[in-house]
N, C-alpha and C. Protein backbone atom coordinates (compact mmCIF):
# COMPACT_ATOMS: atom_id res chain seq x y z
N MET A 1 -19.70 -0.85 -2.12
CA MET A 1 -18.46 -1.44 -2.59
C MET A 1 -18.36 -2.87 -2.10
N THR A 2 -18.00 -3.80 -2.98
CA THR A 2 -17.95 -5.21 -2.64
C THR A 2 -16.76 -5.51 -1.75
N LEU A 3 -17.01 -6.28 -0.67
CA LEU A 3 -15.93 -6.73 0.19
C LEU A 3 -15.36 -8.03 -0.38
N ASN A 4 -14.05 -8.14 -0.42
CA ASN A 4 -13.41 -9.29 -1.02
C ASN A 4 -12.55 -10.02 0.00
N PRO A 5 -12.75 -11.34 0.14
CA PRO A 5 -11.98 -12.10 1.12
C PRO A 5 -10.55 -12.35 0.66
N ILE A 6 -9.69 -12.66 1.63
CA ILE A 6 -8.33 -13.10 1.34
C ILE A 6 -8.20 -14.52 1.87
N THR A 7 -8.16 -15.50 0.96
CA THR A 7 -8.09 -16.91 1.35
C THR A 7 -6.90 -17.64 0.75
N LYS A 8 -6.18 -17.01 -0.19
CA LYS A 8 -5.12 -17.70 -0.91
C LYS A 8 -3.77 -17.53 -0.20
N THR A 9 -2.95 -18.58 -0.30
CA THR A 9 -1.59 -18.56 0.22
C THR A 9 -0.58 -18.61 -0.92
N ALA A 10 0.69 -18.45 -0.58
CA ALA A 10 1.74 -18.54 -1.59
C ALA A 10 1.76 -19.92 -2.23
N ASN A 11 1.47 -20.98 -1.46
CA ASN A 11 1.44 -22.33 -2.03
C ASN A 11 0.32 -22.48 -3.04
N ASP A 12 -0.82 -21.84 -2.83
CA ASP A 12 -1.91 -21.89 -3.81
C ASP A 12 -1.44 -21.34 -5.14
N ILE A 13 -0.71 -20.23 -5.10
CA ILE A 13 -0.17 -19.64 -6.33
C ILE A 13 0.87 -20.58 -6.94
N ALA A 14 1.80 -21.07 -6.12
CA ALA A 14 2.88 -21.92 -6.63
C ALA A 14 2.34 -23.18 -7.30
N ASN A 15 1.40 -23.84 -6.67
CA ASN A 15 0.85 -25.07 -7.24
C ASN A 15 0.13 -24.80 -8.55
N TYR A 16 -0.63 -23.72 -8.60
CA TYR A 16 -1.38 -23.37 -9.81
C TYR A 16 -0.42 -23.04 -10.95
N VAL A 17 0.58 -22.23 -10.66
CA VAL A 17 1.52 -21.81 -11.71
C VAL A 17 2.30 -22.99 -12.26
N LYS A 18 2.80 -23.85 -11.38
CA LYS A 18 3.59 -24.99 -11.86
C LYS A 18 2.74 -25.94 -12.70
N ARG A 19 1.49 -26.09 -12.34
CA ARG A 19 0.59 -26.93 -13.15
C ARG A 19 0.33 -26.29 -14.51
N GLN A 20 0.09 -24.98 -14.51
CA GLN A 20 -0.16 -24.28 -15.78
C GLN A 20 1.07 -24.27 -16.68
N PHE A 21 2.23 -24.16 -16.07
CA PHE A 21 3.48 -24.09 -16.83
C PHE A 21 3.98 -25.47 -17.24
N GLY A 22 3.37 -26.51 -16.69
CA GLY A 22 3.80 -27.87 -17.00
C GLY A 22 5.08 -28.27 -16.30
N ASP A 23 5.28 -27.75 -15.09
CA ASP A 23 6.51 -28.00 -14.35
C ASP A 23 6.16 -28.30 -12.90
N GLU A 24 5.31 -29.30 -12.69
CA GLU A 24 4.85 -29.60 -11.34
C GLU A 24 5.97 -30.09 -10.43
N SER A 25 7.04 -30.60 -11.01
CA SER A 25 8.17 -31.07 -10.21
C SER A 25 9.06 -29.92 -9.75
N GLY A 26 8.90 -28.73 -10.34
CA GLY A 26 9.74 -27.60 -9.98
C GLY A 26 11.14 -27.68 -10.56
N ALA A 27 11.28 -28.36 -11.70
CA ALA A 27 12.60 -28.49 -12.32
C ALA A 27 13.08 -27.18 -12.92
N GLN A 28 12.14 -26.40 -13.48
CA GLN A 28 12.53 -25.14 -14.13
C GLN A 28 12.31 -23.92 -13.23
N ILE A 29 11.18 -23.88 -12.56
CA ILE A 29 10.89 -22.76 -11.67
C ILE A 29 10.67 -23.30 -10.25
N THR A 30 11.41 -22.76 -9.32
CA THR A 30 11.35 -23.23 -7.95
C THR A 30 10.32 -22.44 -7.16
N ASP A 31 9.98 -22.97 -6.00
CA ASP A 31 9.08 -22.23 -5.10
C ASP A 31 9.69 -20.88 -4.72
N SER A 32 10.99 -20.84 -4.52
CA SER A 32 11.65 -19.58 -4.16
C SER A 32 11.48 -18.55 -5.27
N ASP A 33 11.61 -19.00 -6.54
CA ASP A 33 11.35 -18.10 -7.67
C ASP A 33 9.94 -17.54 -7.59
N ILE A 34 8.99 -18.43 -7.37
CA ILE A 34 7.58 -18.02 -7.36
C ILE A 34 7.29 -17.08 -6.21
N TYR A 35 7.83 -17.34 -5.04
CA TYR A 35 7.59 -16.46 -3.90
C TYR A 35 8.14 -15.06 -4.19
N ARG A 36 9.31 -15.01 -4.80
CA ARG A 36 9.91 -13.71 -5.15
C ARG A 36 9.04 -12.97 -6.16
N TRP A 37 8.48 -13.71 -7.13
CA TRP A 37 7.62 -13.09 -8.14
C TRP A 37 6.27 -12.67 -7.56
N ILE A 38 5.78 -13.42 -6.56
CA ILE A 38 4.55 -12.98 -5.88
C ILE A 38 4.78 -11.62 -5.23
N ASP A 39 5.90 -11.48 -4.55
CA ASP A 39 6.22 -10.18 -3.94
C ASP A 39 6.22 -9.08 -4.99
N ALA A 40 6.86 -9.34 -6.13
CA ALA A 40 6.93 -8.33 -7.19
C ALA A 40 5.55 -8.02 -7.75
N ALA A 41 4.74 -9.06 -7.95
CA ALA A 41 3.39 -8.85 -8.49
C ALA A 41 2.54 -8.01 -7.55
N GLN A 42 2.61 -8.32 -6.24
CA GLN A 42 1.80 -7.56 -5.28
C GLN A 42 2.26 -6.11 -5.21
N LEU A 43 3.57 -5.89 -5.28
CA LEU A 43 4.07 -4.51 -5.29
C LEU A 43 3.59 -3.76 -6.52
N GLN A 44 3.57 -4.42 -7.67
CA GLN A 44 3.09 -3.78 -8.89
C GLN A 44 1.61 -3.40 -8.76
N ILE A 45 0.81 -4.30 -8.21
CA ILE A 45 -0.62 -4.03 -8.06
C ILE A 45 -0.85 -2.89 -7.07
N VAL A 46 -0.12 -2.89 -5.97
CA VAL A 46 -0.25 -1.82 -4.99
C VAL A 46 0.13 -0.48 -5.61
N ALA A 47 1.18 -0.46 -6.43
CA ALA A 47 1.61 0.77 -7.08
C ALA A 47 0.55 1.30 -8.04
N LYS A 48 -0.21 0.39 -8.66
CA LYS A 48 -1.22 0.79 -9.63
C LYS A 48 -2.53 1.24 -8.97
N SER A 49 -2.88 0.62 -7.84
CA SER A 49 -4.23 0.89 -7.34
C SER A 49 -4.37 0.98 -5.83
N ALA A 50 -3.30 0.73 -5.06
CA ALA A 50 -3.33 0.87 -3.60
C ALA A 50 -4.54 0.19 -2.96
N PRO A 51 -4.69 -1.14 -3.13
CA PRO A 51 -5.92 -1.78 -2.70
C PRO A 51 -5.98 -2.24 -1.23
N ILE A 52 -4.86 -2.19 -0.49
CA ILE A 52 -4.85 -2.74 0.87
C ILE A 52 -5.19 -1.63 1.85
N LYS A 53 -6.42 -1.60 2.32
CA LYS A 53 -6.90 -0.53 3.18
C LYS A 53 -6.60 -0.83 4.65
N ALA A 54 -6.26 0.20 5.41
CA ALA A 54 -5.97 0.03 6.83
C ALA A 54 -6.26 1.31 7.59
N LYS A 55 -6.33 1.17 8.90
CA LYS A 55 -6.58 2.32 9.78
C LYS A 55 -5.76 2.13 11.05
N SER A 56 -5.18 3.22 11.53
CA SER A 56 -4.42 3.19 12.78
C SER A 56 -4.92 4.32 13.68
N VAL A 57 -5.02 4.01 14.96
CA VAL A 57 -5.47 5.01 15.94
C VAL A 57 -4.38 5.17 16.99
N THR A 58 -4.04 6.40 17.29
CA THR A 58 -3.03 6.67 18.32
C THR A 58 -3.46 7.86 19.17
N ASP A 59 -2.84 7.97 20.32
CA ASP A 59 -3.18 9.07 21.24
C ASP A 59 -2.47 10.35 20.82
N ILE A 60 -3.12 11.46 21.06
CA ILE A 60 -2.48 12.76 20.95
C ILE A 60 -1.82 13.08 22.30
N VAL A 61 -0.54 13.43 22.24
CA VAL A 61 0.19 13.78 23.45
C VAL A 61 0.34 15.30 23.50
N ALA A 62 -0.02 15.88 24.61
CA ALA A 62 0.08 17.33 24.75
C ALA A 62 1.51 17.80 24.51
N ASN A 63 1.65 18.84 23.68
CA ASN A 63 2.94 19.47 23.36
C ASN A 63 3.86 18.58 22.52
N GLN A 64 3.30 17.53 21.93
CA GLN A 64 4.07 16.70 20.99
C GLN A 64 3.59 16.97 19.57
N GLN A 65 4.50 17.42 18.74
CA GLN A 65 4.13 17.80 17.38
C GLN A 65 4.25 16.65 16.38
N THR A 66 5.25 15.77 16.55
CA THR A 66 5.60 14.78 15.54
C THR A 66 5.27 13.36 16.00
N TYR A 67 4.72 12.55 15.06
CA TYR A 67 4.32 11.18 15.35
C TYR A 67 4.93 10.26 14.29
N ASP A 68 5.60 9.22 14.76
CA ASP A 68 6.32 8.31 13.88
C ASP A 68 5.37 7.23 13.35
N LEU A 69 5.26 7.10 12.02
CA LEU A 69 4.38 6.12 11.39
C LEU A 69 5.15 5.03 10.66
N SER A 70 6.46 4.98 10.86
CA SER A 70 7.29 4.06 10.07
C SER A 70 6.94 2.60 10.30
N ALA A 71 6.37 2.26 11.45
CA ALA A 71 6.03 0.86 11.74
C ALA A 71 4.78 0.39 11.00
N LEU A 72 4.06 1.29 10.35
CA LEU A 72 2.78 0.93 9.74
C LEU A 72 2.91 0.42 8.30
N ALA A 73 4.10 0.43 7.71
CA ALA A 73 4.29 -0.01 6.31
C ALA A 73 3.32 0.71 5.38
N ILE A 74 3.28 2.03 5.48
CA ILE A 74 2.33 2.83 4.71
C ILE A 74 2.76 2.95 3.25
N HIS A 75 1.80 2.77 2.37
CA HIS A 75 2.01 3.10 0.96
C HIS A 75 1.53 4.51 0.68
N GLN A 76 0.28 4.81 1.06
CA GLN A 76 -0.26 6.15 0.93
C GLN A 76 -1.13 6.47 2.13
N ILE A 77 -1.01 7.69 2.63
CA ILE A 77 -1.98 8.20 3.60
C ILE A 77 -3.16 8.76 2.81
N GLU A 78 -4.34 8.27 3.11
CA GLU A 78 -5.54 8.73 2.41
C GLU A 78 -6.22 9.87 3.16
N SER A 79 -6.22 9.80 4.50
CA SER A 79 -6.89 10.83 5.30
C SER A 79 -6.43 10.72 6.74
N ILE A 80 -6.42 11.86 7.44
CA ILE A 80 -6.15 11.88 8.87
C ILE A 80 -7.27 12.63 9.57
N HIS A 81 -7.75 12.05 10.66
CA HIS A 81 -8.77 12.69 11.50
C HIS A 81 -8.15 13.07 12.84
N TYR A 82 -8.47 14.26 13.30
CA TYR A 82 -7.97 14.79 14.57
C TYR A 82 -9.17 15.05 15.48
N ASN A 83 -9.23 14.34 16.60
CA ASN A 83 -10.32 14.48 17.55
C ASN A 83 -11.68 14.31 16.87
N GLY A 84 -11.75 13.35 15.94
CA GLY A 84 -13.01 13.01 15.28
C GLY A 84 -13.34 13.80 14.04
N GLY A 85 -12.53 14.80 13.68
CA GLY A 85 -12.81 15.61 12.50
C GLY A 85 -11.70 15.51 11.47
N PHE A 86 -12.04 15.74 10.22
CA PHE A 86 -11.06 15.69 9.14
C PHE A 86 -10.00 16.76 9.32
N LEU A 87 -8.73 16.36 9.19
CA LEU A 87 -7.61 17.29 9.33
C LEU A 87 -6.95 17.46 7.96
N PRO A 88 -6.95 18.67 7.40
CA PRO A 88 -6.34 18.89 6.08
C PRO A 88 -4.83 18.63 6.10
N SER A 89 -4.30 18.35 4.91
CA SER A 89 -2.86 18.16 4.77
C SER A 89 -2.25 19.32 4.00
N ARG A 90 -0.95 19.52 4.23
CA ARG A 90 -0.15 20.46 3.44
C ARG A 90 1.15 19.77 3.07
N SER A 91 1.70 20.16 1.95
CA SER A 91 3.02 19.63 1.61
C SER A 91 4.04 20.17 2.61
N PHE A 92 5.20 19.52 2.67
CA PHE A 92 6.23 19.96 3.60
C PHE A 92 6.64 21.41 3.30
N ALA A 93 6.79 21.72 2.01
CA ALA A 93 7.20 23.08 1.63
C ALA A 93 6.16 24.11 2.03
N GLU A 94 4.88 23.80 1.81
CA GLU A 94 3.81 24.72 2.20
C GLU A 94 3.78 24.93 3.71
N ALA A 95 3.90 23.82 4.45
CA ALA A 95 3.87 23.92 5.92
C ALA A 95 5.06 24.72 6.44
N GLU A 96 6.23 24.44 5.90
CA GLU A 96 7.42 25.16 6.34
C GLU A 96 7.29 26.66 6.10
N ARG A 97 6.77 27.01 4.93
CA ARG A 97 6.61 28.43 4.60
C ARG A 97 5.60 29.09 5.53
N TYR A 98 4.49 28.39 5.78
CA TYR A 98 3.44 28.95 6.65
C TYR A 98 3.97 29.15 8.06
N ILE A 99 4.66 28.14 8.61
CA ILE A 99 5.16 28.23 9.97
C ILE A 99 6.23 29.32 10.09
N PHE A 100 7.09 29.40 9.09
CA PHE A 100 8.14 30.43 9.10
C PHE A 100 7.53 31.83 9.03
N ASP A 101 6.53 31.98 8.15
CA ASP A 101 5.92 33.30 7.99
C ASP A 101 5.14 33.72 9.23
N SER A 102 4.57 32.74 9.96
CA SER A 102 3.79 33.09 11.14
C SER A 102 4.69 33.66 12.25
N GLY A 103 5.94 33.19 12.30
CA GLY A 103 6.92 33.75 13.23
C GLY A 103 6.75 33.33 14.68
N THR A 104 5.83 32.41 14.93
CA THR A 104 5.61 31.98 16.31
C THR A 104 5.51 30.45 16.36
N ALA A 105 5.87 29.88 17.51
CA ALA A 105 5.71 28.45 17.74
C ALA A 105 4.35 28.24 18.41
N GLU A 106 3.31 28.13 17.62
CA GLU A 106 1.96 28.10 18.16
C GLU A 106 1.59 26.75 18.74
N THR A 107 0.76 26.80 19.77
CA THR A 107 0.14 25.59 20.32
C THR A 107 -1.36 25.80 20.33
N GLY A 108 -2.10 24.71 20.37
CA GLY A 108 -3.55 24.80 20.37
C GLY A 108 -4.14 23.59 19.68
N THR A 109 -5.26 23.78 18.99
CA THR A 109 -5.91 22.71 18.23
C THR A 109 -5.27 22.62 16.85
N ALA A 110 -4.82 21.45 16.47
CA ALA A 110 -4.16 21.29 15.18
C ALA A 110 -5.09 21.68 14.04
N GLN A 111 -4.55 22.38 13.05
CA GLN A 111 -5.31 22.83 11.89
C GLN A 111 -4.90 22.12 10.60
N PHE A 112 -3.69 21.56 10.56
CA PHE A 112 -3.25 20.79 9.40
C PHE A 112 -2.10 19.87 9.80
N TRP A 113 -1.77 18.92 8.90
CA TRP A 113 -0.64 18.02 9.11
C TRP A 113 0.22 18.00 7.86
N TYR A 114 1.49 17.64 8.07
CA TYR A 114 2.41 17.47 6.96
C TYR A 114 3.34 16.30 7.28
N GLU A 115 4.00 15.77 6.24
CA GLU A 115 4.80 14.56 6.40
C GLU A 115 6.23 14.78 5.97
N TRP A 116 7.15 14.10 6.67
CA TRP A 116 8.55 14.08 6.27
C TRP A 116 9.21 12.84 6.86
N ALA A 117 9.82 12.02 5.98
CA ALA A 117 10.62 10.86 6.39
C ALA A 117 9.86 9.90 7.29
N GLY A 118 8.61 9.59 6.90
CA GLY A 118 7.84 8.61 7.65
C GLY A 118 7.24 9.12 8.94
N GLN A 119 7.32 10.44 9.17
CA GLN A 119 6.71 11.03 10.36
C GLN A 119 5.72 12.11 9.93
N ILE A 120 4.64 12.25 10.69
CA ILE A 120 3.72 13.36 10.46
C ILE A 120 3.85 14.37 11.59
N SER A 121 3.69 15.62 11.23
CA SER A 121 3.74 16.70 12.22
C SER A 121 2.43 17.46 12.17
N LEU A 122 1.96 17.89 13.33
CA LEU A 122 0.70 18.62 13.45
C LEU A 122 1.00 20.09 13.75
N TYR A 123 0.19 20.96 13.17
CA TYR A 123 0.36 22.39 13.44
C TYR A 123 -1.02 23.06 13.54
N PRO A 124 -1.22 23.86 14.57
CA PRO A 124 -0.34 24.12 15.71
C PRO A 124 -0.07 22.85 16.54
N VAL A 125 0.95 22.92 17.36
CA VAL A 125 1.28 21.79 18.22
C VAL A 125 0.14 21.59 19.22
N PRO A 126 -0.41 20.38 19.33
CA PRO A 126 -1.54 20.16 20.24
C PRO A 126 -1.18 20.52 21.68
N ASP A 127 -2.08 21.21 22.34
CA ASP A 127 -1.85 21.58 23.74
C ASP A 127 -2.66 20.73 24.71
N THR A 128 -3.43 19.77 24.15
CA THR A 128 -4.30 18.92 24.98
C THR A 128 -4.10 17.46 24.60
N ALA A 129 -3.96 16.60 25.61
CA ALA A 129 -3.86 15.16 25.37
C ALA A 129 -5.24 14.61 24.99
N LEU A 130 -5.27 13.73 23.99
CA LEU A 130 -6.52 13.13 23.53
C LEU A 130 -6.32 11.64 23.33
N VAL A 131 -7.01 10.83 24.10
CA VAL A 131 -6.91 9.38 23.95
C VAL A 131 -7.57 8.97 22.63
N GLY A 132 -6.80 8.30 21.77
CA GLY A 132 -7.34 7.89 20.47
C GLY A 132 -7.66 9.07 19.58
N GLY A 133 -6.99 10.19 19.80
CA GLY A 133 -7.36 11.42 19.10
C GLY A 133 -6.88 11.52 17.67
N LEU A 134 -5.98 10.64 17.25
CA LEU A 134 -5.43 10.71 15.90
C LEU A 134 -5.75 9.42 15.15
N GLU A 135 -6.53 9.54 14.08
CA GLU A 135 -6.89 8.39 13.25
C GLU A 135 -6.24 8.55 11.88
N ILE A 136 -5.49 7.54 11.46
CA ILE A 136 -4.82 7.57 10.17
C ILE A 136 -5.46 6.52 9.26
N PHE A 137 -6.04 6.95 8.16
CA PHE A 137 -6.60 6.05 7.15
C PHE A 137 -5.58 5.96 6.02
N TYR A 138 -5.16 4.74 5.69
CA TYR A 138 -4.07 4.61 4.74
C TYR A 138 -4.16 3.30 3.96
N THR A 139 -3.36 3.21 2.91
CA THR A 139 -3.20 1.95 2.20
C THR A 139 -1.80 1.43 2.50
N LYS A 140 -1.70 0.08 2.59
CA LYS A 140 -0.48 -0.56 3.08
C LYS A 140 0.34 -1.16 1.95
N MET A 141 1.62 -1.34 2.27
CA MET A 141 2.48 -2.17 1.45
C MET A 141 2.15 -3.64 1.72
N PRO A 142 2.32 -4.52 0.73
CA PRO A 142 2.07 -5.94 0.97
C PRO A 142 3.12 -6.55 1.88
N THR A 143 2.72 -7.60 2.60
CA THR A 143 3.66 -8.34 3.45
C THR A 143 4.49 -9.28 2.60
N PRO A 144 5.82 -9.26 2.71
CA PRO A 144 6.65 -10.17 1.91
C PRO A 144 6.32 -11.64 2.19
N ILE A 145 6.47 -12.47 1.17
CA ILE A 145 6.22 -13.90 1.31
C ILE A 145 7.40 -14.54 2.02
N ALA A 146 7.14 -15.21 3.15
CA ALA A 146 8.20 -15.88 3.91
C ALA A 146 8.31 -17.35 3.53
N ASN A 147 7.16 -17.98 3.30
CA ASN A 147 7.13 -19.40 2.93
C ASN A 147 5.78 -19.70 2.30
N GLY A 148 5.55 -20.97 2.00
CA GLY A 148 4.33 -21.34 1.28
C GLY A 148 3.04 -21.10 2.02
N THR A 149 3.09 -21.04 3.35
CA THR A 149 1.86 -20.84 4.13
C THR A 149 1.53 -19.36 4.31
N THR A 150 2.40 -18.47 3.85
CA THR A 150 2.14 -17.04 3.99
C THR A 150 0.90 -16.64 3.18
N PRO A 151 -0.10 -16.03 3.81
CA PRO A 151 -1.27 -15.57 3.04
C PRO A 151 -0.87 -14.43 2.10
N LEU A 152 -1.55 -14.34 0.98
CA LEU A 152 -1.38 -13.18 0.13
C LEU A 152 -1.89 -11.95 0.86
N SER A 153 -1.37 -10.80 0.51
CA SER A 153 -1.84 -9.54 1.10
C SER A 153 -3.06 -9.00 0.37
N LEU A 154 -3.28 -9.47 -0.85
CA LEU A 154 -4.35 -8.93 -1.69
C LEU A 154 -5.56 -9.86 -1.72
N PRO A 155 -6.75 -9.31 -1.92
CA PRO A 155 -7.96 -10.14 -2.00
C PRO A 155 -7.90 -11.15 -3.14
N ASP A 156 -8.74 -12.17 -3.05
CA ASP A 156 -8.76 -13.25 -4.03
C ASP A 156 -9.02 -12.77 -5.45
N LYS A 157 -9.67 -11.63 -5.61
CA LYS A 157 -9.97 -11.15 -6.95
C LYS A 157 -8.71 -10.81 -7.75
N TYR A 158 -7.56 -10.70 -7.07
CA TYR A 158 -6.30 -10.44 -7.76
C TYR A 158 -5.52 -11.72 -8.08
N PHE A 159 -6.12 -12.88 -7.80
CA PHE A 159 -5.42 -14.15 -8.00
C PHE A 159 -4.94 -14.30 -9.44
N GLU A 160 -5.83 -14.08 -10.41
CA GLU A 160 -5.46 -14.26 -11.82
C GLU A 160 -4.38 -13.27 -12.24
N ALA A 161 -4.45 -12.06 -11.74
CA ALA A 161 -3.43 -11.07 -12.08
C ALA A 161 -2.07 -11.50 -11.57
N ILE A 162 -2.01 -11.97 -10.32
CA ILE A 162 -0.74 -12.42 -9.76
C ILE A 162 -0.20 -13.61 -10.55
N VAL A 163 -1.08 -14.55 -10.88
CA VAL A 163 -0.67 -15.71 -11.67
C VAL A 163 -0.10 -15.27 -13.02
N SER A 164 -0.76 -14.33 -13.69
CA SER A 164 -0.29 -13.89 -15.01
C SER A 164 1.07 -13.22 -14.92
N TRP A 165 1.32 -12.44 -13.86
CA TRP A 165 2.64 -11.82 -13.68
C TRP A 165 3.72 -12.91 -13.55
N ILE A 166 3.42 -13.94 -12.73
CA ILE A 166 4.40 -15.00 -12.51
C ILE A 166 4.60 -15.83 -13.77
N MET A 167 3.52 -16.10 -14.50
CA MET A 167 3.65 -16.82 -15.76
C MET A 167 4.53 -16.05 -16.74
N ALA A 168 4.39 -14.73 -16.76
CA ALA A 168 5.24 -13.91 -17.63
C ALA A 168 6.71 -14.08 -17.26
N LYS A 169 7.01 -14.08 -15.96
CA LYS A 169 8.38 -14.27 -15.52
C LYS A 169 8.90 -15.66 -15.89
N ALA A 170 8.04 -16.67 -15.74
CA ALA A 170 8.45 -18.03 -16.07
C ALA A 170 8.73 -18.16 -17.57
N TYR A 171 7.89 -17.57 -18.40
CA TYR A 171 8.11 -17.62 -19.85
C TYR A 171 9.38 -16.86 -20.24
N GLU A 172 9.69 -15.78 -19.53
CA GLU A 172 10.94 -15.07 -19.80
C GLU A 172 12.15 -15.97 -19.53
N LEU A 173 12.09 -16.73 -18.43
CA LEU A 173 13.17 -17.68 -18.15
C LEU A 173 13.29 -18.73 -19.24
N ASP A 174 12.17 -19.11 -19.80
CA ASP A 174 12.13 -20.13 -20.85
C ASP A 174 12.38 -19.53 -22.24
N GLU A 175 12.64 -18.21 -22.28
CA GLU A 175 12.90 -17.48 -23.52
C GLU A 175 11.73 -17.56 -24.50
N GLU A 176 10.53 -17.65 -23.97
CA GLU A 176 9.31 -17.57 -24.78
C GLU A 176 8.75 -16.16 -24.59
N PHE A 177 9.34 -15.23 -25.30
CA PHE A 177 9.08 -13.81 -25.03
C PHE A 177 7.70 -13.35 -25.51
N ASP A 178 7.18 -13.96 -26.56
CA ASP A 178 5.82 -13.61 -26.99
C ASP A 178 4.79 -14.02 -25.94
N GLN A 179 4.96 -15.22 -25.41
CA GLN A 179 4.07 -15.68 -24.33
C GLN A 179 4.20 -14.78 -23.10
N ALA A 180 5.43 -14.39 -22.80
CA ALA A 180 5.64 -13.50 -21.65
C ALA A 180 4.94 -12.17 -21.87
N SER A 181 5.05 -11.63 -23.08
CA SER A 181 4.40 -10.35 -23.39
C SER A 181 2.88 -10.47 -23.27
N ASN A 182 2.32 -11.58 -23.74
CA ASN A 182 0.87 -11.78 -23.65
C ASN A 182 0.42 -11.83 -22.18
N GLN A 183 1.19 -12.53 -21.37
CA GLN A 183 0.84 -12.62 -19.95
C GLN A 183 0.94 -11.26 -19.27
N ARG A 184 1.95 -10.48 -19.63
CA ARG A 184 2.09 -9.15 -19.04
C ARG A 184 0.93 -8.24 -19.44
N GLN A 185 0.49 -8.34 -20.68
CA GLN A 185 -0.67 -7.55 -21.13
C GLN A 185 -1.93 -7.98 -20.39
N PHE A 186 -2.08 -9.29 -20.18
CA PHE A 186 -3.24 -9.79 -19.43
C PHE A 186 -3.19 -9.28 -17.99
N PHE A 187 -2.00 -9.26 -17.41
CA PHE A 187 -1.84 -8.72 -16.05
C PHE A 187 -2.32 -7.28 -15.98
N ASP A 188 -1.84 -6.44 -16.91
CA ASP A 188 -2.22 -5.02 -16.91
C ASP A 188 -3.72 -4.85 -17.07
N ALA A 189 -4.30 -5.61 -18.00
CA ALA A 189 -5.74 -5.49 -18.25
C ALA A 189 -6.56 -5.94 -17.05
N THR A 190 -6.14 -7.03 -16.43
CA THR A 190 -6.87 -7.56 -15.28
C THR A 190 -6.82 -6.60 -14.10
N VAL A 191 -5.64 -6.06 -13.82
CA VAL A 191 -5.51 -5.10 -12.71
C VAL A 191 -6.35 -3.87 -12.98
N ASN A 192 -6.31 -3.35 -14.20
CA ASN A 192 -7.11 -2.17 -14.53
C ASN A 192 -8.60 -2.44 -14.37
N ASP A 193 -9.04 -3.61 -14.81
CA ASP A 193 -10.46 -3.95 -14.70
C ASP A 193 -10.89 -4.10 -13.25
N GLN A 194 -10.07 -4.78 -12.46
CA GLN A 194 -10.44 -5.07 -11.08
C GLN A 194 -10.39 -3.84 -10.19
N ASN A 195 -9.55 -2.87 -10.54
CA ASN A 195 -9.29 -1.78 -9.61
C ASN A 195 -9.84 -0.43 -10.03
N PHE A 196 -10.71 -0.39 -11.02
CA PHE A 196 -11.26 0.89 -11.46
C PHE A 196 -11.98 1.59 -10.31
N GLU A 197 -12.77 0.85 -9.58
CA GLU A 197 -13.53 1.46 -8.48
C GLU A 197 -12.60 2.02 -7.41
N GLU A 198 -11.54 1.24 -7.07
CA GLU A 198 -10.61 1.71 -6.04
C GLU A 198 -9.87 2.97 -6.49
N ARG A 199 -9.43 2.99 -7.75
CA ARG A 199 -8.71 4.16 -8.25
C ARG A 199 -9.61 5.39 -8.26
N THR A 200 -10.86 5.21 -8.70
CA THR A 200 -11.79 6.32 -8.76
C THR A 200 -12.06 6.87 -7.37
N GLN A 201 -12.25 5.98 -6.41
CA GLN A 201 -12.53 6.41 -5.04
C GLN A 201 -11.36 7.20 -4.46
N GLN A 202 -10.15 6.72 -4.68
CA GLN A 202 -8.99 7.42 -4.14
C GLN A 202 -8.79 8.78 -4.79
N ASN A 203 -8.98 8.85 -6.10
CA ASN A 203 -8.74 10.11 -6.81
C ASN A 203 -9.78 11.17 -6.48
N MET A 204 -10.97 10.74 -6.03
CA MET A 204 -12.06 11.68 -5.80
C MET A 204 -12.25 12.01 -4.32
N THR A 205 -11.42 11.44 -3.44
CA THR A 205 -11.66 11.65 -2.02
C THR A 205 -10.75 12.73 -1.45
N TYR A 206 -9.56 12.36 -1.02
CA TYR A 206 -8.66 13.30 -0.38
C TYR A 206 -7.31 13.29 -1.07
N PRO A 207 -6.53 14.35 -0.87
CA PRO A 207 -5.14 14.28 -1.33
C PRO A 207 -4.41 13.14 -0.63
N VAL A 208 -3.39 12.59 -1.26
CA VAL A 208 -2.65 11.49 -0.67
C VAL A 208 -1.19 11.88 -0.56
N ILE A 209 -0.52 11.29 0.41
CA ILE A 209 0.91 11.41 0.56
C ILE A 209 1.50 10.02 0.32
N THR A 210 2.42 9.90 -0.61
CA THR A 210 3.03 8.62 -0.93
C THR A 210 4.35 8.47 -0.19
N PHE A 211 4.56 7.34 0.47
CA PHE A 211 5.81 7.03 1.15
C PHE A 211 6.66 6.20 0.19
N LEU A 212 7.79 6.70 -0.21
CA LEU A 212 8.69 6.00 -1.11
C LEU A 212 9.79 5.34 -0.30
N GLU A 213 9.99 4.02 -0.51
CA GLU A 213 11.03 3.32 0.20
C GLU A 213 12.38 3.61 -0.44
N ASP A 214 13.42 3.66 0.40
CA ASP A 214 14.78 3.88 -0.10
C ASP A 214 15.26 2.65 -0.87
């Protein structure tokens, strides 16, 4: 799989878009507009293909069942490893039914995990502390654009897709709806072309848990 660098900033997008739109002075579309549209474009791409890969390692605490992941800005959990081995997942309903039917509050080596409200729970409850014993492989939400120097969250290969999304928004403001529609179609086609490999890999690997923001 090809590794793709991240070298572009919000200003790179803003300068390119204003030049393409013929508004280098920012009379019609401001930098603030463009930064907001970059955020929207990156969220759309993440929703389609979850391209921002990350990993987090934390300690297993003896007799602690639940671990808070809310600080990780998770989009999807792809896989969890427990003490170096793959740990299966269950839905909350499946886990609740299994634990209720078992009738005991078991401790020992965790056999599966489940998620609720940004926290994961292990069952049985671990009875042994393990340094670095929990590895979470996940895809992230993009970092919001704060100013022009903020790096994009997505690799450079998504540059044209982000530009096309913003151009569509700019044409909508200018009431050039055919141009906006063309740009939106180009955005969809570009994202689909660029992310086929990522989508295939995710669909063929492990079940995923999606974190939906309120």
